[in-house]
């Protein structure tokens, strides 16, 4: 039986980054992956989705310039070429990860791994012994068993479409559903989003949510909230999505029904009951702040532990687990995690909303700044707003929400401010490059106390 310092089950962002970092620290590491390294994120999630959204945003910008007479026409596009470009980008990233693992001596084992007792992993008829095991098996699309669900596609199927559908019903108004709804709507697909909850983005800053919902409707997306999907019927050559709103039955005929009802943990190869591995009520692996499970020497990171199902959260969890393995005390703890939804426009948030701040015992005050008052935004034709939640007493930054172009880039500055509890006075002393969109982050924080210079 081969002996290793660390055995990593799953080659997604958390798994491969931990494996590479551990190998760089001198550990003997083996990583088991049944499909492709990079996991959902690189192959059928974050990266391919963002590629589609990016090209859709480019088309929307060209259309706005046509409307203003700057460009003569918006031209045509090839959805097939867009899909080809997406595959090229994905392939390049996956190849890069494979190169890094090989360079640093990580042994990649292709196949389905099974975790056994005493930190033994079986794969392809062989067994491997690890001083430590890290479970990073991720998650998988969740299919809701409504009648006719076999006619639906999931997010992986949507990303693999080679022909642009004329119409699509999206079941689920969460991150995945809204991102793909925006991309396809911008390409010209007639999109209807069916969401069972009474409102979209219920935990986000209300003022920012109102902006993004207004923009989604401008894209032509039909939003049906408080609506339950009843069934999907064949109505050759189309499909018919049948749903219920306030007791009234309705339906929409479409070429595709995308089921984007979220993701569930992937415990393939992990027999929790036999191992005695503790799970919570959602079938997620229970871990502490160091990512330790209840089994000695066994850790878990990424989507399989629930919480933030985000690649950057998995990276951070992997770093916390590796630190513990190496004898260092660096728990993930309460570090704020930014959340980005790549709608059109992008929606990014970190920390507390005003409602969450009140519930936590703070006296929040909300500052804001509109893109229309920023020089760079005007030059780029970008629209949106920045919102800053500050504590009235300590004047510290509690949370921020940005809706608009480049929100996913600007949120990095906001995340640092929330983590450090930046005060209004510290924001005032900060020098931000001009012209830049990041000026608005500072202005929004200062606006909470009437200190913004450029807000009218």
Protein backbone atom coordinates (compact mmCIF):
# COMPACT_ATOMS: atom_id res chain seq x y z
CA UNK A 1 0.00 0.00 0.00
CA UNK A 2 1.45 3.36 -1.05
CA UNK A 3 1.99 5.87 1.77
CA UNK A 4 1.30 9.61 1.46
CA UNK A 5 1.25 12.61 3.75
CA UNK A 6 -2.01 13.88 2.26
CA UNK A 7 -4.67 12.24 0.12
CA UNK A 8 -7.08 14.68 -1.55
CA UNK A 9 -10.38 13.35 -2.90
CA UNK A 10 -11.64 15.75 -5.55
CA UNK A 11 -9.78 18.02 -7.97
CA UNK A 12 -11.94 21.14 -7.84
CA UNK A 13 -10.59 24.58 -6.79
CA UNK A 14 -10.29 23.66 -3.11
CA UNK A 15 -8.81 20.23 -3.74
CA UNK A 16 -6.24 21.09 -6.40
CA UNK A 17 -5.08 24.30 -4.69
CA UNK A 18 -4.55 22.49 -1.38
CA UNK A 19 -2.70 19.67 -3.16
CA UNK A 20 -0.35 22.08 -4.96
CA UNK A 21 0.31 24.16 -1.82
CA UNK A 22 0.94 21.03 0.25
CA UNK A 23 3.40 19.69 -2.33
CA UNK A 24 5.21 23.04 -2.37
CA UNK A 25 5.57 22.68 1.41
CA UNK A 26 7.31 19.33 0.96
CA UNK A 27 4.37 16.97 1.53
CA UNK A 28 3.90 13.81 -0.50
CA UNK A 29 0.45 14.28 -2.04
CA UNK A 30 -1.95 12.25 -4.17
CA UNK A 31 -5.09 13.75 -5.67
CA UNK A 32 -8.02 11.61 -6.88
CA UNK A 33 -10.32 12.97 -9.59
CA UNK A 34 -12.97 10.96 -11.45
CA UNK A 35 -13.50 13.44 -14.30
CA UNK A 36 -11.50 16.61 -14.95
CA UNK A 37 -9.29 18.63 -12.62
CA UNK A 38 -10.75 22.04 -11.99
CA UNK A 39 -14.07 20.57 -10.89
CA UNK A 40 -17.36 22.31 -11.53
CA UNK A 41 -15.81 25.78 -11.49
CA UNK A 42 -13.40 25.41 -14.39
CA UNK A 43 -15.36 22.89 -16.44
CA UNK A 44 -19.11 23.43 -16.08
CA UNK A 45 -19.54 26.33 -13.67
CA UNK A 46 -17.86 29.64 -12.92
CA UNK A 47 -15.52 30.00 -15.89
CA UNK A 48 -17.72 28.81 -18.80
CA UNK A 49 -20.68 30.75 -17.39
CA UNK A 50 -18.62 33.92 -17.11
CA UNK A 51 -17.38 33.45 -20.68
CA UNK A 52 -20.96 33.40 -21.96
CA UNK A 53 -21.93 36.36 -19.78
CA UNK A 54 -18.87 38.38 -20.84
CA UNK A 55 -19.71 38.05 -24.54
CA UNK A 56 -23.33 38.90 -23.77
CA UNK A 57 -22.21 42.05 -21.92
CA UNK A 58 -20.07 43.04 -24.90
CA UNK A 59 -23.08 42.75 -27.19
CA UNK A 60 -25.24 44.78 -24.83
CA UNK A 61 -22.60 47.54 -24.78
CA UNK A 62 -22.43 47.60 -28.58
CA UNK A 63 -26.23 47.80 -28.74
CA UNK A 64 -26.21 50.79 -26.38
CA UNK A 65 -23.67 52.53 -28.63
CA UNK A 66 -25.85 51.81 -31.65
CA UNK A 67 -28.80 53.37 -29.86
CA UNK A 68 -26.70 56.51 -29.35
CA UNK A 69 -25.61 56.58 -32.97
CA UNK A 70 -21.93 55.98 -32.19
CA UNK A 71 -21.95 52.57 -33.90
CA UNK A 72 -23.99 52.08 -37.04
CA UNK A 73 -25.21 48.58 -36.24
CA UNK A 74 -24.77 45.85 -33.68
CA UNK A 75 -23.77 43.27 -36.26
CA UNK A 76 -24.29 39.53 -35.98
CA UNK A 77 -22.67 36.86 -33.84
CA UNK A 78 -22.00 33.13 -33.91
CA UNK A 79 -23.23 31.25 -30.86
CA UNK A 80 -21.29 28.22 -32.07
CA UNK A 81 -18.05 30.25 -32.09
CA UNK A 82 -18.84 31.59 -28.64
CA UNK A 83 -19.21 28.05 -27.36
CA UNK A 84 -15.99 27.10 -29.10
CA UNK A 85 -14.16 29.97 -27.43
CA UNK A 86 -15.58 28.95 -24.07
CA UNK A 87 -14.21 25.44 -24.51
CA UNK A 88 -10.79 26.79 -25.47
CA UNK A 89 -10.60 28.92 -22.33
CA UNK A 90 -11.72 26.04 -20.13
CA UNK A 91 -9.18 23.71 -21.73
CA UNK A 92 -6.38 26.21 -21.20
CA UNK A 93 -7.17 26.58 -17.50
CA UNK A 94 -7.51 22.84 -16.90
CA UNK A 95 -4.22 22.29 -18.68
CA UNK A 96 -2.61 24.93 -16.48
CA UNK A 97 -3.75 23.19 -13.30
CA UNK A 98 -2.47 19.85 -14.57
CA UNK A 99 0.90 21.45 -15.37
CA UNK A 100 1.20 22.94 -11.86
CA UNK A 101 0.37 19.63 -10.20
CA UNK A 102 2.94 17.81 -12.29
CA UNK A 103 5.56 20.52 -11.72
CA UNK A 104 5.21 20.30 -7.94
CA UNK A 105 5.03 16.52 -7.76
CA UNK A 106 1.36 15.94 -6.98
CA UNK A 107 0.39 12.41 -8.03
CA UNK A 108 -2.86 12.58 -10.00
CA UNK A 109 -4.96 9.42 -9.82
CA UNK A 110 -7.79 9.36 -12.36
CA UNK A 111 -10.82 7.41 -11.18
CA UNK A 112 -13.56 7.25 -8.58
CA UNK A 113 -12.09 7.14 -5.10
CA UNK A 114 -13.64 5.45 -2.08
CA UNK A 115 -12.76 6.52 1.44
CA UNK A 116 -12.26 3.67 3.87
CA UNK A 117 -11.51 3.54 7.58
CA UNK A 118 -8.15 4.69 9.00
CA UNK A 119 -7.51 7.17 6.17
CA UNK A 120 -7.29 4.59 3.41
CA UNK A 121 -8.48 5.53 -0.09
CA UNK A 122 -9.24 2.88 -2.71
CA UNK A 123 -9.18 3.68 -6.42
CA UNK A 124 -8.79 1.56 -9.56
CA UNK A 125 -8.21 -1.59 -7.52
CA UNK A 126 -5.38 -0.09 -5.46
CA UNK A 127 -5.28 1.27 -1.93
CA UNK A 128 -3.48 4.36 -0.67
CA UNK A 129 -2.71 5.24 2.97
CA UNK A 130 -2.61 8.85 4.08
CA UNK A 131 -1.51 10.52 7.29
CA UNK A 132 -4.24 12.99 6.42
CA UNK A 133 -7.22 12.88 4.06
CA UNK A 134 -9.01 15.89 2.62
CA UNK A 135 -12.52 15.38 1.23
CA UNK A 136 -13.20 17.88 -1.56
CA UNK A 137 -15.85 16.06 -3.57
CA UNK A 138 -17.89 19.21 -4.28
CA UNK A 139 -21.52 19.32 -5.34
CA UNK A 140 -23.77 18.43 -8.26
CA UNK A 141 -26.83 20.02 -9.91
CA UNK A 142 -30.05 19.26 -8.08
CA UNK A 143 -33.02 18.04 -10.09
CA UNK A 144 -36.45 18.68 -8.60
CA UNK A 145 -38.68 15.67 -9.31
CA UNK A 146 -41.56 17.58 -10.88
CA UNK A 147 -43.49 15.55 -13.46
CA UNK A 148 -41.65 15.81 -16.77
CA UNK A 149 -38.30 16.73 -15.23
CA UNK A 150 -36.65 14.30 -17.65
CA UNK A 151 -37.34 16.83 -20.42
CA UNK A 152 -35.29 19.50 -18.63
CA UNK A 153 -31.62 20.38 -18.87
CA UNK A 154 -29.40 21.39 -15.94
CA UNK A 155 -26.70 24.08 -15.92
CA UNK A 156 -24.18 21.68 -17.44
CA UNK A 157 -26.57 20.97 -20.29
CA UNK A 158 -27.26 24.67 -20.81
CA UNK A 159 -23.55 25.46 -21.04
CA UNK A 160 -23.15 22.71 -23.63
CA UNK A 161 -25.92 23.86 -25.98
CA UNK A 162 -24.61 24.26 -29.53
CA UNK A 163 -27.75 25.93 -30.82
CA UNK A 164 -29.22 29.03 -29.29
CA UNK A 165 -32.80 28.31 -28.16
CA UNK A 166 -35.43 30.80 -29.21
CA UNK A 167 -37.14 30.49 -25.82
CA UNK A 168 -36.29 29.13 -22.40
CA UNK A 169 -37.97 28.76 -19.01
CA UNK A 170 -35.54 28.85 -16.10
CA UNK A 171 -36.71 27.03 -12.99
CA UNK A 172 -34.97 28.75 -10.10
CA UNK A 173 -34.07 32.39 -9.48
CA UNK A 174 -30.84 31.79 -7.58
CA UNK A 175 -27.31 32.61 -8.70
CA UNK A 176 -27.09 29.94 -11.42
CA UNK A 177 -30.55 30.62 -12.81
CA UNK A 178 -30.14 34.38 -12.99
CA UNK A 179 -26.67 34.29 -14.53
CA UNK A 180 -27.70 31.96 -17.33
CA UNK A 181 -30.99 33.80 -17.78
CA UNK A 182 -29.07 37.04 -18.39
CA UNK A 183 -26.62 35.47 -20.83
CA UNK A 184 -29.29 33.78 -22.95
CA UNK A 185 -31.58 36.82 -22.85
CA UNK A 186 -28.75 39.04 -24.14
CA UNK A 187 -28.18 36.57 -26.99
CA UNK A 188 -31.82 36.95 -27.97
CA UNK A 189 -33.52 34.04 -26.22
CA UNK A 190 -36.96 34.78 -24.78
CA UNK A 191 -36.45 33.95 -21.08
CA UNK A 192 -38.94 33.37 -18.27
CA UNK A 193 -37.65 32.79 -14.72
CA UNK A 194 -39.90 30.81 -12.36
CA UNK A 195 -38.99 31.20 -8.68
CA UNK A 196 -40.93 29.64 -5.81
CA UNK A 197 -39.80 32.20 -3.19
CA UNK A 198 -41.77 35.47 -3.01
CA UNK A 199 -38.71 37.57 -3.89
CA UNK A 200 -35.31 37.28 -5.55
CA UNK A 201 -32.08 37.79 -3.60
CA UNK A 202 -33.93 38.04 -0.27
CA UNK A 203 -30.76 38.34 1.85
CA UNK A 204 -29.19 41.14 -0.15
CA UNK A 205 -29.41 44.93 0.24
CA UNK A 206 -32.92 45.82 -0.89
CA UNK A 207 -31.96 49.04 -2.67
CA UNK A 208 -29.39 47.19 -4.78
CA UNK A 209 -31.78 44.33 -5.57
CA UNK A 210 -34.34 46.79 -6.94
CA UNK A 211 -31.72 48.07 -9.39
CA UNK A 212 -30.74 44.66 -10.72
CA UNK A 213 -34.37 43.54 -11.06
CA UNK A 214 -35.11 46.65 -13.11
CA UNK A 215 -32.16 45.83 -15.39
CA UNK A 216 -33.22 42.19 -15.77
CA UNK A 217 -36.61 43.34 -16.99
CA UNK A 218 -34.89 45.70 -19.46
CA UNK A 219 -33.14 42.63 -20.88
CA UNK A 220 -36.59 41.25 -21.56
CA UNK A 221 -36.50 38.63 -18.81
CA UNK A 222 -39.93 37.76 -17.46
CA UNK A 223 -39.73 37.22 -13.68
CA UNK A 224 -42.39 35.08 -11.97
CA UNK A 225 -41.80 35.03 -8.20
CA UNK A 226 -43.96 33.22 -5.67
CA UNK A 227 -44.55 30.70 -8.43
CA UNK A 228 -44.41 26.91 -8.15
CA UNK A 229 -43.51 24.73 -11.12
CA UNK A 230 -46.17 22.02 -11.46
CA UNK A 231 -44.98 20.00 -14.44
CA UNK A 232 -43.17 20.04 -17.77
CA UNK A 233 -45.07 18.65 -20.73
CA UNK A 234 -44.10 17.73 -24.27
CA UNK A 235 -45.93 20.00 -26.69
CA UNK A 236 -44.17 19.03 -29.91
CA UNK A 237 -42.02 20.53 -31.13
CA UNK A 238 -41.85 22.59 -27.93
CA UNK A 239 -42.04 22.02 -24.20
CA UNK A 240 -44.73 23.48 -21.97
CA UNK A 241 -43.81 24.63 -18.46
CA UNK A 242 -46.92 24.62 -16.26
CA UNK A 243 -46.81 26.58 -13.00
CA UNK A 244 -49.02 28.07 -10.31
CA UNK A 245 -49.07 31.61 -8.91
CA UNK A 246 -51.47 32.57 -6.12
CA UNK A 247 -53.61 29.54 -6.88
CA UNK A 248 -53.85 30.39 -10.56
CA UNK A 249 -52.38 27.97 -13.10
CA UNK A 250 -50.37 29.32 -16.01
CA UNK A 251 -48.02 27.99 -18.65
CA UNK A 252 -45.28 29.00 -21.05
CA UNK A 253 -44.25 27.17 -24.22
CA UNK A 254 -40.52 27.10 -24.87
CA UNK A 255 -37.72 25.20 -26.59
CA UNK A 256 -35.78 24.48 -23.38
CA UNK A 257 -36.55 24.24 -19.66
CA UNK A 258 -33.46 24.84 -17.55
CA UNK A 259 -33.64 23.43 -14.04
CA UNK A 260 -31.44 25.67 -11.90
CA UNK A 261 -32.81 24.80 -8.48
CA UNK A 262 -29.41 24.80 -6.78
CA UNK A 263 -26.80 22.18 -5.99
CA UNK A 264 -26.46 19.37 -3.47
CA UNK A 265 -23.39 17.86 -1.87
CA UNK A 266 -21.63 15.10 -3.74
CA UNK A 267 -20.80 12.27 -1.34
CA UNK A 268 -19.84 9.81 -4.06
CA UNK A 269 -17.33 7.35 -2.60
CA UNK A 270 -17.98 8.62 0.93
CA UNK A 271 -20.13 6.22 2.96
CA UNK A 272 -20.72 8.53 5.89
CA UNK A 273 -22.75 6.02 7.90
CA UNK A 274 -20.16 3.25 7.59
CA UNK A 275 -17.31 5.62 8.39
CA UNK A 276 -19.12 7.33 11.25
CA UNK A 277 -18.64 10.67 9.48
CA UNK A 278 -20.87 13.39 10.93
CA UNK A 279 -23.29 15.12 8.53
CA UNK A 280 -25.75 17.93 9.20
CA UNK A 281 -29.45 17.95 8.28
CA UNK A 282 -28.60 19.03 4.72
CA UNK A 283 -26.22 16.07 4.24
CA UNK A 284 -23.21 18.38 4.37
CA UNK A 285 -20.06 17.24 6.17
CA UNK A 286 -19.71 18.89 9.59
CA UNK A 287 -16.37 20.65 10.14
CA UNK A 288 -14.84 23.07 12.64
CA UNK A 289 -13.05 26.34 11.85
CA UNK A 290 -9.93 24.38 10.85
CA UNK A 291 -12.02 22.22 8.44
CA UNK A 292 -11.57 19.15 10.66
CA UNK A 293 -14.29 16.49 10.56
CA UNK A 294 -15.10 14.25 13.53
CA UNK A 295 -12.78 11.57 12.11
CA UNK A 296 -9.11 11.83 13.18
CA UNK A 297 -6.92 13.20 10.41
CA UNK A 298 -9.83 13.70 8.00
CA UNK A 299 -10.69 17.18 6.71
CA UNK A 300 -13.38 18.46 4.35
CA UNK A 301 -13.48 21.63 2.23
CA UNK A 302 -15.56 23.28 -0.49
CA UNK A 303 -19.16 22.65 -1.50
CA UNK A 304 -19.30 19.33 0.36
CA UNK A 305 -19.33 21.23 3.69
CA UNK A 306 -22.15 23.57 2.62
CA UNK A 307 -21.99 27.23 3.55
CA UNK A 308 -20.61 29.36 0.73
CA UNK A 309 -20.61 27.21 -2.41
CA UNK A 310 -17.96 29.38 -3.99
CA UNK A 311 -14.55 28.61 -5.45
CA UNK A 312 -12.82 31.34 -3.46
CA UNK A 313 -14.38 30.04 -0.24
CA UNK A 314 -13.01 26.59 -1.11
CA UNK A 315 -9.56 28.10 -1.64
CA UNK A 316 -9.70 29.71 1.81
CA UNK A 317 -10.99 26.52 3.45
CA UNK A 318 -8.18 24.58 1.81
CA UNK A 319 -5.63 27.00 3.21
CA UNK A 320 -7.13 26.64 6.71
CA UNK A 321 -7.04 22.83 6.46
CA UNK A 322 -3.45 22.74 5.21
CA UNK A 323 -2.32 25.13 7.94
CA UNK A 324 -3.79 22.78 10.56
CA UNK A 325 -2.12 19.77 8.93
CA UNK A 326 1.21 21.62 9.07
CA UNK A 327 0.69 22.47 12.74
CA UNK A 328 -0.22 26.11 12.24
CA UNK A 329 -3.20 27.82 13.87
CA UNK A 330 -4.86 29.69 11.00
CA UNK A 331 -8.61 28.98 11.15
CA UNK A 332 -10.85 30.46 8.48
CA UNK A 333 -12.93 31.94 11.30
CA UNK A 334 -15.09 34.95 10.56
CA UNK A 335 -13.19 36.37 7.56
CA UNK A 336 -15.77 38.09 5.33
CA UNK A 337 -16.44 36.27 2.06
CA UNK A 338 -17.48 38.32 -0.99
CA UNK A 339 -20.38 36.95 -3.04
CA UNK A 340 -20.74 37.77 -6.73
CA UNK A 341 -23.68 37.08 -9.01
CA UNK A 342 -22.67 37.58 -12.64
CA UNK A 343 -25.94 38.97 -13.86
CA UNK A 344 -26.14 41.90 -16.30
CA UNK A 345 -25.22 44.10 -14.50
CA UNK A 346 -23.00 42.24 -12.04
CA UNK A 347 -24.11 42.09 -8.40
CA UNK A 348 -21.48 41.80 -5.64
CA UNK A 349 -21.76 42.02 -1.87
CA UNK A 350 -19.73 41.44 1.28
CA UNK A 351 -20.46 41.71 4.98
CA UNK A 352 -23.76 42.87 6.43
CA UNK A 353 -26.81 44.50 4.91
CA UNK A 354 -28.65 47.15 6.90
CA UNK A 355 -31.21 44.57 8.04
CA UNK A 356 -28.53 42.07 9.09
CA UNK A 357 -26.59 44.82 10.87
CA UNK A 358 -29.65 45.80 12.92
CA UNK A 359 -30.22 42.14 13.83
CA UNK A 360 -26.59 41.94 14.97
CA UNK A 361 -27.07 44.89 17.35
CA UNK A 362 -25.50 47.67 15.28
CA UNK A 363 -26.96 51.07 14.47
CA UNK A 364 -26.40 51.02 10.71
CA UNK A 365 -26.37 53.99 8.38
CA UNK A 366 -26.45 53.49 4.61
CA UNK A 367 -24.29 55.45 2.21
CA UNK A 368 -24.58 55.25 -1.57
CA UNK A 369 -23.02 56.53 -4.75
CA UNK A 370 -24.38 56.32 -8.29
CA UNK A 371 -22.25 55.40 -11.29
CA UNK A 372 -23.65 58.43 -13.14
CA UNK A 373 -21.59 60.73 -10.90
CA UNK A 374 -18.31 58.95 -11.62
CA UNK A 375 -16.03 60.05 -14.46
CA UNK A 376 -14.78 56.59 -15.41
CA UNK A 377 -18.29 55.14 -15.39
CA UNK A 378 -19.49 57.92 -17.69
CA UNK A 379 -16.54 57.38 -20.03
CA UNK A 380 -17.22 53.64 -20.17
CA UNK A 381 -20.98 53.94 -20.38
CA UNK A 382 -21.34 51.96 -17.16
CA UNK A 383 -24.39 52.20 -14.91
CA UNK A 384 -25.13 51.08 -11.36
CA UNK A 385 -24.72 52.03 -7.71
CA UNK A 386 -22.54 51.32 -4.69
CA UNK A 387 -24.01 50.93 -1.20
CA UNK A 388 -22.02 51.05 2.05
CA UNK A 389 -23.36 49.94 5.43
CA UNK A 390 -21.54 51.80 8.21
CA UNK A 391 -21.96 51.68 11.99
CA UNK A 392 -23.19 55.03 13.31
CA UNK A 393 -21.37 54.70 16.63
CA UNK A 394 -17.95 53.29 15.69
CA UNK A 395 -18.14 54.66 12.10
CA UNK A 396 -16.72 51.33 10.91
CA UNK A 397 -17.52 49.60 7.61
CA UNK A 398 -19.93 46.70 8.16
CA UNK A 399 -20.86 45.73 4.60
CA UNK A 400 -20.97 46.81 0.98
CA UNK A 401 -23.03 46.00 -2.09
CA UNK A 402 -22.15 46.96 -5.64
CA UNK A 403 -24.45 46.53 -8.61
CA UNK A 404 -22.97 47.53 -11.93
CA UNK A 405 -20.09 46.99 -14.31
CA UNK A 406 -16.89 45.62 -12.71
CA UNK A 407 -18.64 45.04 -9.38
CA UNK A 408 -16.76 41.74 -9.01
CA UNK A 409 -13.44 43.62 -9.20
CA UNK A 410 -14.43 46.53 -6.96
CA UNK A 411 -15.71 44.20 -4.23
CA UNK A 412 -12.10 43.27 -3.37
CA UNK A 413 -11.52 46.76 -1.95
CA UNK A 414 -14.82 46.54 -0.10
CA UNK A 415 -13.92 43.12 1.34
CA UNK A 416 -10.66 44.46 2.72
CA UNK A 417 -12.52 47.40 4.26
CA UNK A 418 -15.08 45.14 5.96
CA UNK A 419 -12.38 42.76 7.21
CA UNK A 420 -10.39 45.62 8.72
CA UNK A 421 -13.41 47.56 9.96
CA UNK A 422 -12.28 50.65 8.07
CA UNK A 423 -13.66 53.83 9.64
CA UNK A 424 -15.05 56.85 7.85
CA UNK A 425 -11.92 58.77 8.83
CA UNK A 426 -9.70 56.08 7.30
CA UNK A 427 -11.75 56.17 4.12
CA UNK A 428 -11.32 59.95 4.07
CA UNK A 429 -7.51 59.61 4.27
CA UNK A 430 -7.40 56.95 1.52
CA UNK A 431 -6.19 58.03 -1.92
CA UNK A 432 -7.89 56.21 -4.79
CA UNK A 433 -6.69 56.49 -8.39
CA UNK A 434 -8.64 58.87 -10.64
CA UNK A 435 -10.39 58.22 -12.89
CA UNK A 436 -11.48 54.79 -11.65
CA UNK A 437 -14.65 52.98 -10.69
CA UNK A 438 -13.15 52.23 -7.26
CA UNK A 439 -13.54 55.91 -6.36
CA UNK A 440 -17.23 55.11 -5.88
CA UNK A 441 -16.49 52.59 -3.10
CA UNK A 442 -14.80 55.33 -1.09
CA UNK A 443 -17.50 57.87 -1.93
CA UNK A 444 -20.30 55.54 -0.81
CA UNK A 445 -18.63 54.94 2.55
CA UNK A 446 -18.11 58.67 3.07
CA UNK A 447 -21.69 59.42 2.00
CA UNK A 448 -23.00 57.51 5.04
CA UNK A 449 -21.80 60.46 7.14
CA UNK A 450 -22.39 63.23 4.62
CA UNK A 451 -18.69 63.37 3.70
CA UNK A 452 -18.90 62.52 0.00
CA UNK A 453 -17.59 65.34 -2.20
CA UNK A 454 -19.04 64.26 -5.54
CA UNK A 455 -22.53 63.23 -4.51
CA UNK A 456 -25.08 65.91 -5.17
